[in-house]
Amino acid sequence: MSFFEVENNSVDKKTDNSLWAERYRPDSIEDYICDESMVEIVNNFIVKKDIPQLLFYGDAGSGKTTLSKIITNKIPCDVLYVNASDNTGVDFIRDKVRPFAAASGFHDLKIVILDEADFLSANAQASLRNLMETYSQNTRFILTCNYVEKIIKPLVSRCQVYNIEPPNKQQVALYLKNIFDKENVGYELDDIKTIINDFYPDIRKIVNYSQQISTSGEVKHIKTQTIGFDVKQKLISLIKEKSKSSFNDIRQLINDCGTKHFDDLYHELYEKIDLYSKNKELEAIIIIAEYSYQNAMVVDKEITFMACISKLLKI
């Protein structure tokens, strides 16, 4: 089973939105195919017209926000949607979220969707914890995040927590093929394979990139914006060699591929750790974890990535 319904070609076109990621976003639990137990849980929420406090976590683009919107669309409620990455401080919780939770609404139930809640400061999360308790009679919260470990434990304990996993590559390929067909875009099957390999598991990025490269009516890849399989393979090969020129060769490789986002490369370093670490996996994992964390905090991510590479080449 997968996030998307692909077996009956049920990717419906919403003509009122020019963005493919929104136009083809599933808007019902019937189109949002996942584990049967999750479907049953969500259907139970819809039937009861009520939800507990919820926390959805998983990879970027895996469908957390989509599932949140499906729930609020199917349950009679007043909704406040907040992108927490734009509103990280305790002042926002106090000045915007609290008044919504405290005020009378048009429906018996009010739901606050806090998207990317892992960007909230510790103080903001602590304030949110109190709101959940104070206004629990008629206000619910749905939190989404990529990194559940960044959510404070008292907040996690107040929620039902679900890991939202993306569909497999074959199912995403069928989903993308259906979009191309409905948009009358010319493509080869190898085009779809390349896009999936470059951006999986981020479904949103797959769809956005596909729209970007098909404005002419046929797929035309922008090579400098993708981290392809060949780049990842070459990166691991150069680290494994550990020659005198490995560092400069990797630096040139990164420069040539033109990427500004390194999450996929850190993931590749971790997945292929046994190929280059020479029985020093634990040391390599610590290095990758350290620089992967720093990657989310710094402006120049390439410098941080190359610092990680320099340490891996020394172990």
C-alpha atoms as a PDB file:
ATOM      1  CA  MET A   1       0.000   0.000   0.000  1.00  0.00           C
ATOM      2  CA  SER A   2       1.206   3.520  -0.606  1.00  0.00           C
ATOM      3  CA  PHE A   3       0.538   7.157   0.057  1.00  0.00           C
ATOM      4  CA  PHE A   4      -0.919   7.613  -3.412  1.00  0.00           C
ATOM      5  CA  GLU A   5      -3.711   5.748  -5.151  1.00  0.00           C
ATOM      6  CA  VAL A   6      -2.167   4.620  -8.421  1.00  0.00           C
ATOM      7  CA  GLU A   7      -3.777   1.282  -9.191  1.00  0.00           C
ATOM      8  CA  ASN A   8      -6.883   2.846 -10.845  1.00  0.00           C
ATOM      9  CA  ASN A   9      -5.072   5.883 -12.217  1.00  0.00           C
ATOM     10  CA  SER A  10      -6.935   8.037  -9.694  1.00  0.00           C
ATOM     11  CA  VAL A  11      -4.707  11.104  -9.762  1.00  0.00           C
ATOM     12  CA  ASP A  12      -7.380  13.745 -10.119  1.00  0.00           C
ATOM     13  CA  LYS A  13      -6.563  17.111 -11.646  1.00  0.00           C
ATOM     14  CA  LYS A  14      -7.610  20.153  -9.625  1.00  0.00           C
ATOM     15  CA  THR A  15      -7.766  22.840 -12.296  1.00  0.00           C
ATOM     16  CA  ASP A  16      -8.016  25.694  -9.783  1.00  0.00           C
ATOM     17  CA  ASN A  17      -4.321  25.514  -8.862  1.00  0.00           C
ATOM     18  CA  SER A  18      -1.362  25.898 -11.215  1.00  0.00           C
ATOM     19  CA  LEU A  19       1.070  24.173  -8.834  1.00  0.00           C
ATOM     20  CA  TRP A  20       1.221  20.453  -9.504  1.00  0.00           C
ATOM     21  CA  ALA A  21       2.063  19.675  -5.881  1.00  0.00           C
ATOM     22  CA  GLU A  22      -1.276  21.220  -4.882  1.00  0.00           C
ATOM     23  CA  ARG A  23      -3.265  20.284  -7.971  1.00  0.00           C
ATOM     24  CA  TYR A  24      -2.552  16.580  -7.435  1.00  0.00           C
ATOM     25  CA  ARG A  25      -2.502  16.567  -3.637  1.00  0.00           C
ATOM     26  CA  PRO A  26      -4.845  13.824  -2.325  1.00  0.00           C
ATOM     27  CA  ASP A  27      -7.847  15.389  -0.601  1.00  0.00           C
ATOM     28  CA  SER A  28      -9.514  12.303   0.844  1.00  0.00           C
ATOM     29  CA  ILE A  29      -8.387   9.303   2.856  1.00  0.00           C
ATOM     30  CA  GLU A  30      -9.504   7.111  -0.058  1.00  0.00           C
ATOM     31  CA  ASP A  31      -6.804   8.670  -2.246  1.00  0.00           C
ATOM     32  CA  TYR A  32      -4.251   8.761   0.569  1.00  0.00           C
ATOM     33  CA  ILE A  33      -3.295   5.097   0.617  1.00  0.00           C
ATOM     34  CA  CYS A  34      -1.054   4.021   3.462  1.00  0.00           C
ATOM     35  CA  ASP A  35      -0.923   1.227   5.999  1.00  0.00           C
ATOM     36  CA  GLU A  36      -4.402  -0.212   6.563  1.00  0.00           C
ATOM     37  CA  SER A  37      -4.164   0.458  10.276  1.00  0.00           C
ATOM     38  CA  MET A  38      -3.568   4.171   9.590  1.00  0.00           C
ATOM     39  CA  VAL A  39      -6.552   4.312   7.236  1.00  0.00           C
ATOM     40  CA  GLU A  40      -8.703   2.743   9.941  1.00  0.00           C
ATOM     41  CA  ILE A  41      -7.447   5.223  12.544  1.00  0.00           C
ATOM     42  CA  VAL A  42      -8.160   8.254  10.362  1.00  0.00           C
ATOM     43  CA  ASN A  43     -11.569   6.928   9.324  1.00  0.00           C
ATOM     44  CA  ASN A  44     -12.377   6.491  13.001  1.00  0.00           C
ATOM     45  CA  PHE A  45     -11.485  10.157  13.604  1.00  0.00           C
ATOM     46  CA  ILE A  46     -13.751  11.192  10.738  1.00  0.00           C
ATOM     47  CA  VAL A  47     -16.665   9.068  11.926  1.00  0.00           C
ATOM     48  CA  LYS A  48     -16.383  10.394  15.485  1.00  0.00           C
ATOM     49  CA  LYS A  49     -15.784  13.939  14.222  1.00  0.00           C
ATOM     50  CA  ASP A  50     -13.050  14.310  16.797  1.00  0.00           C
ATOM     51  CA  ILE A  51      -9.310  13.726  17.116  1.00  0.00           C
ATOM     52  CA  PRO A  52      -6.750  13.466  19.914  1.00  0.00           C
ATOM     53  CA  GLN A  53      -3.616  15.591  19.947  1.00  0.00           C
ATOM     54  CA  LEU A  54      -1.570  14.266  17.022  1.00  0.00           C
ATOM     55  CA  LEU A  55       2.109  14.290  16.059  1.00  0.00           C
ATOM     56  CA  PHE A  56       3.069  13.187  12.546  1.00  0.00           C
ATOM     57  CA  TYR A  57       6.773  12.805  11.785  1.00  0.00           C
ATOM     58  CA  GLY A  58       8.755  11.555   8.807  1.00  0.00           C
ATOM     59  CA  ASP A  59      10.855  12.602   5.821  1.00  0.00           C
ATOM     60  CA  ALA A  60      10.183  15.890   4.042  1.00  0.00           C
ATOM     61  CA  GLY A  61       7.514  15.505   1.377  1.00  0.00           C
ATOM     62  CA  SER A  62       6.189  12.202   2.741  1.00  0.00           C
ATOM     63  CA  GLY A  63       2.608  13.465   3.200  1.00  0.00           C
ATOM     64  CA  LYS A  64       2.347  14.691   6.797  1.00  0.00           C
ATOM     65  CA  THR A  65       0.730  18.017   5.911  1.00  0.00           C
ATOM     66  CA  THR A  66      -1.544  16.360   3.355  1.00  0.00           C
ATOM     67  CA  LEU A  67      -2.844  13.909   5.955  1.00  0.00           C
ATOM     68  CA  SER A  68      -3.406  16.767   8.414  1.00  0.00           C
ATOM     69  CA  LYS A  69      -5.449  18.687   5.851  1.00  0.00           C
ATOM     70  CA  ILE A  70      -7.479  15.609   4.918  1.00  0.00           C
ATOM     71  CA  ILE A  71      -8.454  15.204   8.565  1.00  0.00           C
ATOM     72  CA  THR A  72      -9.459  18.854   9.026  1.00  0.00           C
ATOM     73  CA  ASN A  73     -11.336  18.883   5.702  1.00  0.00           C
ATOM     74  CA  LYS A  74     -13.447  15.894   6.700  1.00  0.00           C
ATOM     75  CA  ILE A  75     -14.207  16.883  10.297  1.00  0.00           C
ATOM     76  CA  PRO A  76     -16.438  19.920  11.037  1.00  0.00           C
ATOM     77  CA  CYS A  77     -14.037  22.326  12.754  1.00  0.00           C
ATOM     78  CA  ASP A  78     -12.432  25.745  12.750  1.00  0.00           C
ATOM     79  CA  VAL A  79      -8.839  25.468  11.531  1.00  0.00           C
ATOM     80  CA  LEU A  80      -5.733  27.527  12.189  1.00  0.00           C
ATOM     81  CA  TYR A  81      -2.839  26.525   9.953  1.00  0.00           C
ATOM     82  CA  VAL A  82       0.607  27.696  11.059  1.00  0.00           C
ATOM     83  CA  ASN A  83       3.986  27.108   9.435  1.00  0.00           C
ATOM     84  CA  ALA A  84       6.053  26.929  12.595  1.00  0.00           C
ATOM     85  CA  SER A  85       9.312  27.494  10.716  1.00  0.00           C
ATOM     86  CA  ASP A  86       8.130  31.089  10.122  1.00  0.00           C
ATOM     87  CA  ASN A  87       6.863  31.565  13.687  1.00  0.00           C
ATOM     88  CA  THR A  88       9.331  29.941  16.065  1.00  0.00           C
ATOM     89  CA  GLY A  89       9.056  32.005  19.247  1.00  0.00           C
ATOM     90  CA  VAL A  90       6.918  31.920  22.355  1.00  0.00           C
ATOM     91  CA  ASP A  91       5.389  35.305  21.445  1.00  0.00           C
ATOM     92  CA  PHE A  92       3.616  33.788  18.453  1.00  0.00           C
ATOM     93  CA  ILE A  93       2.149  30.999  20.576  1.00  0.00           C
ATOM     94  CA  ARG A  94       0.943  33.533  23.142  1.00  0.00           C
ATOM     95  CA  ASP A  95      -0.332  36.205  20.733  1.00  0.00           C
ATOM     96  CA  LYS A  96      -1.809  34.124  17.888  1.00  0.00           C
ATOM     97  CA  VAL A  97      -2.370  30.500  18.864  1.00  0.00           C
ATOM     98  CA  ARG A  98      -3.687  31.084  22.384  1.00  0.00           C
ATOM     99  CA  PRO A  99      -6.401  33.600  21.285  1.00  0.00           C
ATOM    100  CA  PHE A 100      -7.605  31.148  18.637  1.00  0.00           C
ATOM    101  CA  ALA A 101      -7.779  28.319  21.189  1.00  0.00           C
ATOM    102  CA  ALA A 102      -9.547  30.502  23.739  1.00  0.00           C
ATOM    103  CA  ALA A 103     -12.099  32.160  21.451  1.00  0.00           C
ATOM    104  CA  SER A 104     -15.529  30.836  20.562  1.00  0.00           C
ATOM    105  CA  GLY A 105     -15.707  29.257  17.130  1.00  0.00           C
ATOM    106  CA  PHE A 106     -18.287  28.424  14.479  1.00  0.00           C
ATOM    107  CA  HIS A 107     -17.919  24.719  15.297  1.00  0.00           C
ATOM    108  CA  ASP A 108     -17.670  22.748  18.515  1.00  0.00           C
ATOM    109  CA  LEU A 109     -14.130  21.678  17.614  1.00  0.00           C
ATOM    110  CA  LYS A 110     -11.108  23.799  16.725  1.00  0.00           C
ATOM    111  CA  ILE A 111      -7.910  22.319  15.264  1.00  0.00           C
ATOM    112  CA  VAL A 112      -4.489  23.962  15.083  1.00  0.00           C
ATOM    113  CA  ILE A 113      -2.091  22.520  12.491  1.00  0.00           C
ATOM    114  CA  LEU A 114       1.480  23.363  13.475  1.00  0.00           C
ATOM    115  CA  ASP A 115       3.484  22.440  10.404  1.00  0.00           C
ATOM    116  CA  GLU A 116       7.241  21.923  10.865  1.00  0.00           C
ATOM    117  CA  ALA A 117       6.853  22.058  14.635  1.00  0.00           C
ATOM    118  CA  ASP A 118      10.472  20.962  15.117  1.00  0.00           C
ATOM    119  CA  PHE A 119      11.444  24.575  14.319  1.00  0.00           C
ATOM    120  CA  LEU A 120       9.669  25.841  17.447  1.00  0.00           C
ATOM    121  CA  SER A 121      11.953  27.013  20.239  1.00  0.00           C
ATOM    122  CA  ALA A 122      12.017  25.066  23.503  1.00  0.00           C
ATOM    123  CA  ASN A 123      10.148  27.889  25.240  1.00  0.00           C
ATOM    124  CA  ALA A 124       7.485  27.958  22.515  1.00  0.00           C
ATOM    125  CA  GLN A 125       7.035  24.194  22.847  1.00  0.00           C
ATOM    126  CA  ALA A 126       6.709  24.503  26.610  1.00  0.00           C
ATOM    127  CA  SER A 127       4.048  27.186  26.154  1.00  0.00           C
ATOM    128  CA  LEU A 128       2.261  24.957  23.665  1.00  0.00           C
ATOM    129  CA  ARG A 129       2.215  22.134  26.201  1.00  0.00           C
ATOM    130  CA  ASN A 130       0.189  24.301  28.576  1.00  0.00           C
ATOM    131  CA  LEU A 131      -2.234  25.293  25.795  1.00  0.00           C
ATOM    132  CA  MET A 132      -2.907  21.657  24.992  1.00  0.00           C
ATOM    133  CA  GLU A 133      -3.997  21.029  28.559  1.00  0.00           C
ATOM    134  CA  THR A 134      -5.861  24.278  29.195  1.00  0.00           C
ATOM    135  CA  TYR A 135      -8.035  24.200  26.054  1.00  0.00           C
ATOM    136  CA  SER A 136      -8.239  20.431  25.508  1.00  0.00           C
ATOM    137  CA  GLN A 137     -12.029  20.405  25.833  1.00  0.00           C
ATOM    138  CA  ASN A 138     -12.606  21.949  22.401  1.00  0.00           C
ATOM    139  CA  THR A 139      -9.190  22.551  20.782  1.00  0.00           C
ATOM    140  CA  ARG A 140      -6.874  19.930  19.274  1.00  0.00           C
ATOM    141  CA  PHE A 141      -3.386  20.226  17.857  1.00  0.00           C
ATOM    142  CA  ILE A 142      -1.811  18.417  14.918  1.00  0.00           C
ATOM    143  CA  LEU A 143       1.974  18.770  14.908  1.00  0.00           C
ATOM    144  CA  THR A 144       4.088  17.755  11.932  1.00  0.00           C
ATOM    145  CA  CYS A 145       7.872  17.521  11.913  1.00  0.00           C
ATOM    146  CA  ASN A 146      10.818  15.914  10.148  1.00  0.00           C
ATOM    147  CA  TYR A 147      12.810  15.308  13.330  1.00  0.00           C
ATOM    148  CA  VAL A 148      10.707  14.063  16.236  1.00  0.00           C
ATOM    149  CA  GLU A 149      13.761  14.145  18.500  1.00  0.00           C
ATOM    150  CA  LYS A 150      13.588  17.973  18.365  1.00  0.00           C
ATOM    151  CA  ILE A 151      10.162  17.934  20.014  1.00  0.00           C
ATOM    152  CA  ILE A 152      10.362  18.110  23.822  1.00  0.00           C
ATOM    153  CA  LYS A 153       9.288  14.930  25.602  1.00  0.00           C
ATOM    154  CA  PRO A 154       6.407  16.531  27.572  1.00  0.00           C
ATOM    155  CA  LEU A 155       4.887  17.594  24.235  1.00  0.00           C
ATOM    156  CA  VAL A 156       5.401  14.176  22.644  1.00  0.00           C
ATOM    157  CA  SER A 157       3.761  12.478  25.630  1.00  0.00           C
ATOM    158  CA  ARG A 158       0.609  14.545  25.110  1.00  0.00           C
ATOM    159  CA  CYS A 159       0.188  13.362  21.517  1.00  0.00           C
ATOM    160  CA  GLN A 160      -0.571  10.205  19.638  1.00  0.00           C
ATOM    161  CA  VAL A 161       2.586   9.824  17.552  1.00  0.00           C
ATOM    162  CA  TYR A 162       2.651   8.378  14.025  1.00  0.00           C
ATOM    163  CA  ASN A 163       5.549   7.877  11.653  1.00  0.00           C
ATOM    164  CA  ILE A 164       4.404   8.819   8.143  1.00  0.00           C
ATOM    165  CA  GLU A 165       6.382   6.825   5.600  1.00  0.00           C
ATOM    166  CA  PRO A 166       6.519   7.604   1.862  1.00  0.00           C
ATOM    167  CA  PRO A 167       5.402   5.140  -0.821  1.00  0.00           C
ATOM    168  CA  ASN A 168       8.015   2.991  -2.516  1.00  0.00           C
ATOM    169  CA  LYS A 169       9.761   4.120  -5.698  1.00  0.00           C
ATOM    170  CA  GLN A 170       7.580   2.079  -8.027  1.00  0.00           C
ATOM    171  CA  GLN A 171       4.410   3.604  -6.637  1.00  0.00           C
ATOM    172  CA  VAL A 172       5.845   7.116  -6.870  1.00  0.00           C
ATOM    173  CA  ALA A 173       6.874   6.435 -10.477  1.00  0.00           C
ATOM    174  CA  LEU A 174       3.308   5.408 -11.348  1.00  0.00           C
ATOM    175  CA  TYR A 175       1.973   8.512  -9.615  1.00  0.00           C
ATOM    176  CA  LEU A 176       4.377  10.754 -11.561  1.00  0.00           C
ATOM    177  CA  LYS A 177       3.586   8.975 -14.828  1.00  0.00           C
ATOM    178  CA  ASN A 178      -0.109   9.667 -14.303  1.00  0.00           C
ATOM    179  CA  ILE A 179       0.614  13.362 -13.734  1.00  0.00           C
ATOM    180  CA  PHE A 180       2.687  13.613 -16.904  1.00  0.00           C
ATOM    181  CA  ASP A 181      -0.065  11.875 -18.875  1.00  0.00           C
ATOM    182  CA  LYS A 182      -2.768  14.191 -17.534  1.00  0.00           C
ATOM    183  CA  GLU A 183      -0.593  17.259 -18.254  1.00  0.00           C
ATOM    184  CA  ASN A 184       0.205  15.959 -21.776  1.00  0.00           C
ATOM    185  CA  VAL A 185       3.951  16.099 -21.087  1.00  0.00           C
ATOM    186  CA  GLY A 186       6.303  14.169 -23.341  1.00  0.00           C
ATOM    187  CA  TYR A 187       8.688  11.890 -21.440  1.00  0.00           C
ATOM    188  CA  GLU A 188      10.668   8.678 -21.510  1.00  0.00           C
ATOM    189  CA  LEU A 189      10.456   6.087 -18.745  1.00  0.00           C
ATOM    190  CA  ASP A 190      14.136   6.743 -18.036  1.00  0.00           C
ATOM    191  CA  ASP A 191      13.210  10.379 -17.281  1.00  0.00           C
ATOM    192  CA  ILE A 192      10.884   9.224 -14.512  1.00  0.00           C
ATOM    193  CA  LYS A 193      13.499   6.824 -13.187  1.00  0.00           C
ATOM    194  CA  THR A 194      16.094   9.605 -13.036  1.00  0.00           C
ATOM    195  CA  ILE A 195      13.771  12.001 -11.209  1.00  0.00           C
ATOM    196  CA  ILE A 196      12.755   9.370  -8.654  1.00  0.00           C
ATOM    197  CA  ASN A 197      16.366   8.324  -7.985  1.00  0.00           C
ATOM    198  CA  ASP A 198      17.456  11.939  -7.573  1.00  0.00           C
ATOM    199  CA  PHE A 199      14.769  13.135  -5.161  1.00  0.00           C
ATOM    200  CA  TYR A 200      13.174  10.130  -3.455  1.00  0.00           C
ATOM    201  CA  PRO A 201      11.701  10.030  -0.801  1.00  0.00           C
ATOM    202  CA  ASP A 202      10.654  13.711  -1.037  1.00  0.00           C
ATOM    203  CA  ILE A 203       7.416  13.411  -3.039  1.00  0.00           C
ATOM    204  CA  ARG A 204       6.797  17.161  -3.017  1.00  0.00           C
ATOM    205  CA  LYS A 205      10.253  17.850  -4.454  1.00  0.00           C
ATOM    206  CA  ILE A 206       9.717  15.167  -7.102  1.00  0.00           C
ATOM    207  CA  VAL A 207       6.486  16.816  -8.262  1.00  0.00           C
ATOM    208  CA  ASN A 208       7.831  20.385  -8.093  1.00  0.00           C
ATOM    209  CA  TYR A 209      10.973  19.500 -10.023  1.00  0.00           C
ATOM    210  CA  SER A 210       8.945  17.590 -12.614  1.00  0.00           C
ATOM    211  CA  GLN A 211       6.796  20.665 -13.243  1.00  0.00           C
ATOM    212  CA  GLN A 212       9.889  22.849 -13.473  1.00  0.00           C
ATOM    213  CA  ILE A 213      11.555  20.741 -16.170  1.00  0.00           C
ATOM    214  CA  SER A 214       8.447  20.214 -18.310  1.00  0.00           C
ATOM    215  CA  THR A 215       7.272  23.771 -19.002  1.00  0.00           C
ATOM    216  CA  SER A 216       8.007  23.275 -22.701  1.00  0.00           C
ATOM    217  CA  GLY A 217       5.674  20.286 -22.912  1.00  0.00           C
ATOM    218  CA  GLU A 218       8.411  17.689 -22.616  1.00  0.00           C
ATOM    219  CA  VAL A 219      10.865  16.680 -19.905  1.00  0.00           C
ATOM    220  CA  LYS A 220      14.185  18.533 -20.032  1.00  0.00           C
ATOM    221  CA  HIS A 221      16.401  17.832 -17.035  1.00  0.00           C
ATOM    222  CA  ILE A 222      18.315  20.572 -15.248  1.00  0.00           C
ATOM    223  CA  LYS A 223      21.384  18.590 -14.338  1.00  0.00           C
ATOM    224  CA  THR A 224      22.912  21.182 -12.038  1.00  0.00           C
ATOM    225  CA  GLN A 225      19.971  21.021  -9.639  1.00  0.00           C
ATOM    226  CA  THR A 226      19.979  17.301  -8.937  1.00  0.00           C
ATOM    227  CA  ILE A 227      22.181  14.962  -6.955  1.00  0.00           C
ATOM    228  CA  GLY A 228      22.042  11.959  -9.232  1.00  0.00           C
ATOM    229  CA  PHE A 229      22.859   8.345  -8.504  1.00  0.00           C
ATOM    230  CA  ASP A 230      26.159   8.719 -10.364  1.00  0.00           C
ATOM    231  CA  VAL A 231      27.234  11.608  -8.111  1.00  0.00           C
ATOM    232  CA  LYS A 232      26.462   9.600  -4.975  1.00  0.00           C
ATOM    233  CA  GLN A 233      28.263   6.569  -6.367  1.00  0.00           C
ATOM    234  CA  LYS A 234      31.328   8.636  -7.294  1.00  0.00           C
ATOM    235  CA  LEU A 235      31.364  10.277  -3.848  1.00  0.00           C
ATOM    236  CA  ILE A 236      31.515   6.921  -2.044  1.00  0.00           C
ATOM    237  CA  SER A 237      34.154   5.670  -4.476  1.00  0.00           C
ATOM    238  CA  LEU A 238      36.412   8.674  -3.842  1.00  0.00           C
ATOM    239  CA  ILE A 239      36.095   8.356  -0.063  1.00  0.00           C
ATOM    240  CA  LYS A 240      36.862   4.661  -0.320  1.00  0.00           C
ATOM    241  CA  GLU A 241      40.015   5.326  -2.346  1.00  0.00           C
ATOM    242  CA  LYS A 242      41.424   7.775   0.244  1.00  0.00           C
ATOM    243  CA  SER A 243      44.063   8.978  -2.195  1.00  0.00           C
ATOM    244  CA  LYS A 244      45.968  12.247  -1.915  1.00  0.00           C
ATOM    245  CA  SER A 245      43.625  13.839  -4.409  1.00  0.00           C
ATOM    246  CA  SER A 246      40.372  12.492  -2.919  1.00  0.00           C
ATOM    247  CA  PHE A 247      39.488  15.690  -1.045  1.00  0.00           C
ATOM    248  CA  ASN A 248      40.015  17.949  -4.068  1.00  0.00           C
ATOM    249  CA  ASP A 249      38.249  15.463  -6.340  1.00  0.00           C
ATOM    250  CA  ILE A 250      35.213  15.403  -4.037  1.00  0.00           C
ATOM    251  CA  ARG A 251      35.241  19.181  -3.802  1.00  0.00           C
ATOM    252  CA  GLN A 252      35.217  19.372  -7.600  1.00  0.00           C
ATOM    253  CA  LEU A 253      32.447  16.767  -7.774  1.00  0.00           C
ATOM    254  CA  ILE A 254      30.249  18.813  -5.440  1.00  0.00           C
ATOM    255  CA  ASN A 255      31.001  21.984  -7.375  1.00  0.00           C
ATOM    256  CA  ASP A 256      30.119  20.347 -10.701  1.00  0.00           C
ATOM    257  CA  CYS A 257      26.782  18.951  -9.500  1.00  0.00           C
ATOM    258  CA  GLY A 258      25.835  22.443  -8.291  1.00  0.00           C
ATOM    259  CA  THR A 259      23.794  21.336  -5.291  1.00  0.00           C
ATOM    260  CA  LYS A 260      22.990  23.648  -2.389  1.00  0.00           C
ATOM    261  CA  HIS A 261      21.235  20.950  -0.369  1.00  0.00           C
ATOM    262  CA  PHE A 262      23.254  18.159   1.228  1.00  0.00           C
ATOM    263  CA  ASP A 263      20.729  16.076   3.171  1.00  0.00           C
ATOM    264  CA  ASP A 264      20.728  13.351   0.518  1.00  0.00           C
ATOM    265  CA  LEU A 265      24.514  13.170   0.554  1.00  0.00           C
ATOM    266  CA  TYR A 266      24.674  12.811   4.334  1.00  0.00           C
ATOM    267  CA  HIS A 267      22.086  10.049   4.046  1.00  0.00           C
ATOM    268  CA  GLU A 268      24.194   8.358   1.354  1.00  0.00           C
ATOM    269  CA  LEU A 269      27.301   8.568   3.559  1.00  0.00           C
ATOM    270  CA  TYR A 270      25.368   6.818   6.312  1.00  0.00           C
ATOM    271  CA  GLU A 271      23.773   4.171   4.081  1.00  0.00           C
ATOM    272  CA  LYS A 272      27.112   3.191   2.470  1.00  0.00           C
ATOM    273  CA  ILE A 273      29.208   3.541   5.614  1.00  0.00           C
ATOM    274  CA  ASP A 274      30.382  -0.070   5.521  1.00  0.00           C
ATOM    275  CA  LEU A 275      31.963   0.451   2.073  1.00  0.00           C
ATOM    276  CA  TYR A 276      34.541   3.021   3.174  1.00  0.00           C
ATOM    277  CA  SER A 277      34.891   3.034   6.974  1.00  0.00           C
ATOM    278  CA  LYS A 278      37.167  -0.030   7.276  1.00  0.00           C
ATOM    279  CA  ASN A 279      35.731  -1.360  10.544  1.00  0.00           C
ATOM    280  CA  LYS A 280      35.440   2.151  12.008  1.00  0.00           C
ATOM    281  CA  GLU A 281      31.711   2.497  11.484  1.00  0.00           C
ATOM    282  CA  LEU A 282      31.045   3.901  14.952  1.00  0.00           C
ATOM    283  CA  GLU A 283      33.557   6.715  14.482  1.00  0.00           C
ATOM    284  CA  ALA A 284      32.175   7.475  11.017  1.00  0.00           C
ATOM    285  CA  ILE A 285      28.565   7.565  12.297  1.00  0.00           C
ATOM    286  CA  ILE A 286      29.503  10.079  14.980  1.00  0.00           C
ATOM    287  CA  ILE A 287      31.178  12.306  12.380  1.00  0.00           C
ATOM    288  CA  ILE A 288      28.190  12.121   9.995  1.00  0.00           C
ATOM    289  CA  ALA A 289      25.726  12.812  12.815  1.00  0.00           C
ATOM    290  CA  GLU A 290      27.727  15.822  14.016  1.00  0.00           C
ATOM    291  CA  TYR A 291      27.963  17.498  10.625  1.00  0.00           C
ATOM    292  CA  SER A 292      24.461  16.522   9.550  1.00  0.00           C
ATOM    293  CA  TYR A 293      23.186  18.374  12.620  1.00  0.00           C
ATOM    294  CA  GLN A 294      25.378  21.396  11.850  1.00  0.00           C
ATOM    295  CA  ASN A 295      24.077  21.361   8.272  1.00  0.00           C
ATOM    296  CA  ALA A 296      20.662  22.505   9.515  1.00  0.00           C
ATOM    297  CA  MET A 297      22.191  25.458  11.366  1.00  0.00           C
ATOM    298  CA  VAL A 298      24.714  27.001   8.965  1.00  0.00           C
ATOM    299  CA  VAL A 299      24.406  29.264   5.937  1.00  0.00           C
ATOM    300  CA  ASP A 300      27.244  27.863   3.812  1.00  0.00           C
ATOM    301  CA  LYS A 301      26.363  24.170   3.810  1.00  0.00           C
ATOM    302  CA  GLU A 302      29.086  23.217   1.335  1.00  0.00           C
ATOM    303  CA  ILE A 303      31.860  24.204   3.763  1.00  0.00           C
ATOM    304  CA  THR A 304      30.243  22.100   6.492  1.00  0.00           C
ATOM    305  CA  PHE A 305      29.894  19.131   4.163  1.00  0.00           C
ATOM    306  CA  MET A 306      33.511  19.322   3.060  1.00  0.00           C
ATOM    307  CA  ALA A 307      34.583  19.523   6.724  1.00  0.00           C
ATOM    308  CA  CYS A 308      32.694  16.266   7.243  1.00  0.00           C
ATOM    309  CA  ILE A 309      34.450  14.727   4.235  1.00  0.00           C
ATOM    310  CA  SER A 310      37.888  15.781   5.548  1.00  0.00           C
ATOM    311  CA  LYS A 311      37.253  13.915   8.811  1.00  0.00           C
ATOM    312  CA  LEU A 312      35.889  10.815   7.079  1.00  0.00           C
ATOM    313  CA  LEU A 313      38.977  10.655   4.878  1.00  0.00           C
ATOM    314  CA  LYS A 314      41.172  10.532   7.993  1.00  0.00           C
ATOM    315  CA  ILE A 315      39.560   7.610   9.796  1.00  0.00           C
END
